[in-house]
Protein backbone atom coordinates (compact mmCIF):
# COMPACT_ATOMS: atom_id res chain seq x y z
CA MET A 1 6.22 -21.71 -18.62
CA GLU A 2 9.14 -19.47 -17.20
CA ASP A 3 9.13 -17.67 -13.85
CA LYS A 4 11.35 -14.72 -14.34
CA PHE A 5 12.34 -12.54 -11.45
CA THR A 6 15.38 -11.17 -9.47
CA ALA A 7 15.07 -11.32 -5.30
CA GLU A 8 17.23 -8.96 -3.29
CA ASN A 9 17.07 -9.99 0.53
CA PHE A 10 18.63 -7.47 3.22
CA SER A 11 20.44 -7.97 6.40
CA ASP A 12 21.30 -5.45 8.89
CA GLU A 13 24.35 -5.25 10.72
CA ASP A 14 23.53 -7.91 13.32
CA GLY A 15 22.61 -10.96 10.44
CA ASN A 16 18.87 -10.06 10.70
CA PRO A 17 16.05 -9.68 7.94
CA ALA A 18 16.07 -6.24 6.99
CA GLY A 19 13.87 -5.67 4.28
CA GLY A 20 14.58 -6.33 0.22
CA ARG A 21 12.52 -6.39 -3.18
CA VAL A 22 11.68 -8.76 -5.91
CA ASP A 23 10.67 -7.29 -9.25
CA GLY A 24 9.26 -9.67 -11.77
CA ILE A 25 6.68 -8.88 -15.46
CA GLY A 26 4.24 -6.79 -13.78
CA LEU A 27 5.11 -7.51 -10.09
CA GLN A 28 7.12 -5.41 -7.48
CA ILE A 29 7.23 -6.65 -3.77
CA GLU A 30 8.98 -4.44 -1.17
CA TRP A 31 9.66 -6.54 1.73
CA GLN A 32 9.26 -5.16 5.50
CA ASN A 33 12.21 -3.57 6.56
CA GLY A 34 12.86 -4.18 10.80
CA PRO A 35 10.51 -5.46 13.50
CA LEU A 36 7.78 -3.55 14.05
CA GLY A 37 8.32 -3.42 18.00
CA PRO A 38 6.76 -5.40 20.90
CA TYR A 39 2.94 -6.48 19.96
CA GLY A 40 0.47 -4.25 22.10
CA PHE A 41 2.96 -1.61 23.21
CA PRO A 42 2.33 1.81 22.08
CA GLU A 43 5.55 2.28 20.42
CA ARG A 44 5.05 -0.03 17.78
CA VAL A 45 5.61 1.30 14.26
CA LYS A 46 4.07 0.77 10.88
CA PRO A 47 4.63 -1.48 8.14
CA ASN A 48 7.00 -0.04 6.16
CA GLY A 49 6.90 -3.12 3.78
CA ALA A 50 4.73 -6.10 2.87
CA PHE A 51 4.62 -9.30 5.08
CA VAL A 52 4.69 -12.54 3.15
CA GLU A 53 1.21 -13.36 5.05
CA THR A 54 0.18 -10.56 2.70
CA VAL A 55 1.59 -11.49 -0.63
CA LEU A 56 -0.06 -15.65 0.49
CA LYS A 57 -3.25 -14.03 0.25
CA ALA A 58 -3.40 -11.42 -2.42
CA VAL A 59 -2.01 -14.74 -4.52
CA GLN A 60 -4.90 -17.04 -3.08
CA GLN A 61 -7.59 -14.59 -4.06
CA ARG A 62 -6.18 -14.72 -7.46
CA ILE A 63 -6.54 -18.58 -7.79
CA GLU A 64 -9.80 -18.21 -6.20
CA TYR A 65 -11.08 -15.79 -8.71
CA TYR A 66 -9.60 -18.39 -11.64
CA GLN A 67 -11.68 -21.20 -9.71
CA THR A 68 -14.56 -19.21 -10.58
CA THR A 69 -14.29 -19.76 -14.15
CA PHE A 70 -12.15 -22.74 -14.42
CA PRO A 71 -12.54 -24.51 -12.13
CA CYS A 72 -10.25 -27.87 -11.39
CA ARG A 73 -8.38 -29.91 -8.95
CA GLU A 74 -5.21 -28.05 -9.14
CA ASN A 75 -6.51 -24.70 -8.43
CA ALA A 76 -8.43 -26.13 -5.36
CA LEU A 77 -4.91 -27.68 -4.22
CA ALA A 78 -2.84 -24.70 -4.54
CA ILE A 79 -5.78 -22.71 -2.38
CA THR A 80 -5.47 -25.34 0.44
CA LYS A 81 -1.64 -24.98 -0.01
CA ILE A 82 -1.64 -21.43 0.43
CA GLU A 83 -4.66 -21.65 3.31
CA GLU A 84 -2.00 -24.25 5.21
CA ALA A 85 1.25 -21.88 4.76
CA VAL A 86 -0.72 -18.89 6.06
CA HIS A 87 -2.67 -20.92 8.91
CA TRP A 88 1.20 -21.86 10.18
CA LEU A 89 2.43 -18.55 9.53
CA ASN A 90 -0.08 -17.33 11.21
CA SER A 91 0.34 -20.16 14.17
CA ARG A 92 3.94 -18.80 14.79
CA THR A 93 2.83 -15.28 15.09
CA GLN A 94 0.41 -15.84 17.77
CA ARG A 95 3.26 -18.32 19.59
CA ARG A 96 5.12 -15.34 19.48
CA ILE A 97 2.85 -13.16 20.77
CA ALA A 98 2.46 -15.33 23.81
CA GLU A 99 5.95 -15.32 24.30
CA GLY A 100 6.04 -11.67 23.78
CA THR A 101 8.53 -11.67 21.13
CA GLU A 102 6.29 -10.77 17.99
CA GLY A 103 7.52 -7.72 16.35
CA THR A 104 11.24 -8.02 17.70
CA HIS A 105 14.27 -9.94 16.54
CA GLU A 106 13.96 -12.20 19.86
CA GLY A 107 13.24 -16.00 19.68
CA ASN A 108 11.97 -17.70 16.32
């Protein structure tokens, strides 16, 4: 099976991630462009693109759907690995909220 897609990743003038896109057969993703602003502040902006966590959860739900009709070990393992990836990305977000850097280009 061939997974053909094109991807463009954009950076702002400071070299920070600034959106991008992925296109393939039956697939088009526009990534979030820029930070949302500090978490919990009124000037926080609405998202303008997709987040990796959302795309991973969409893939997870699709594999879970397959698992209802075609259950197998490989599907179960793929679901587990996606859950693990989402867990670590959410862990990073929680750490950044605690540090006061979530929604900014500060920190890592």
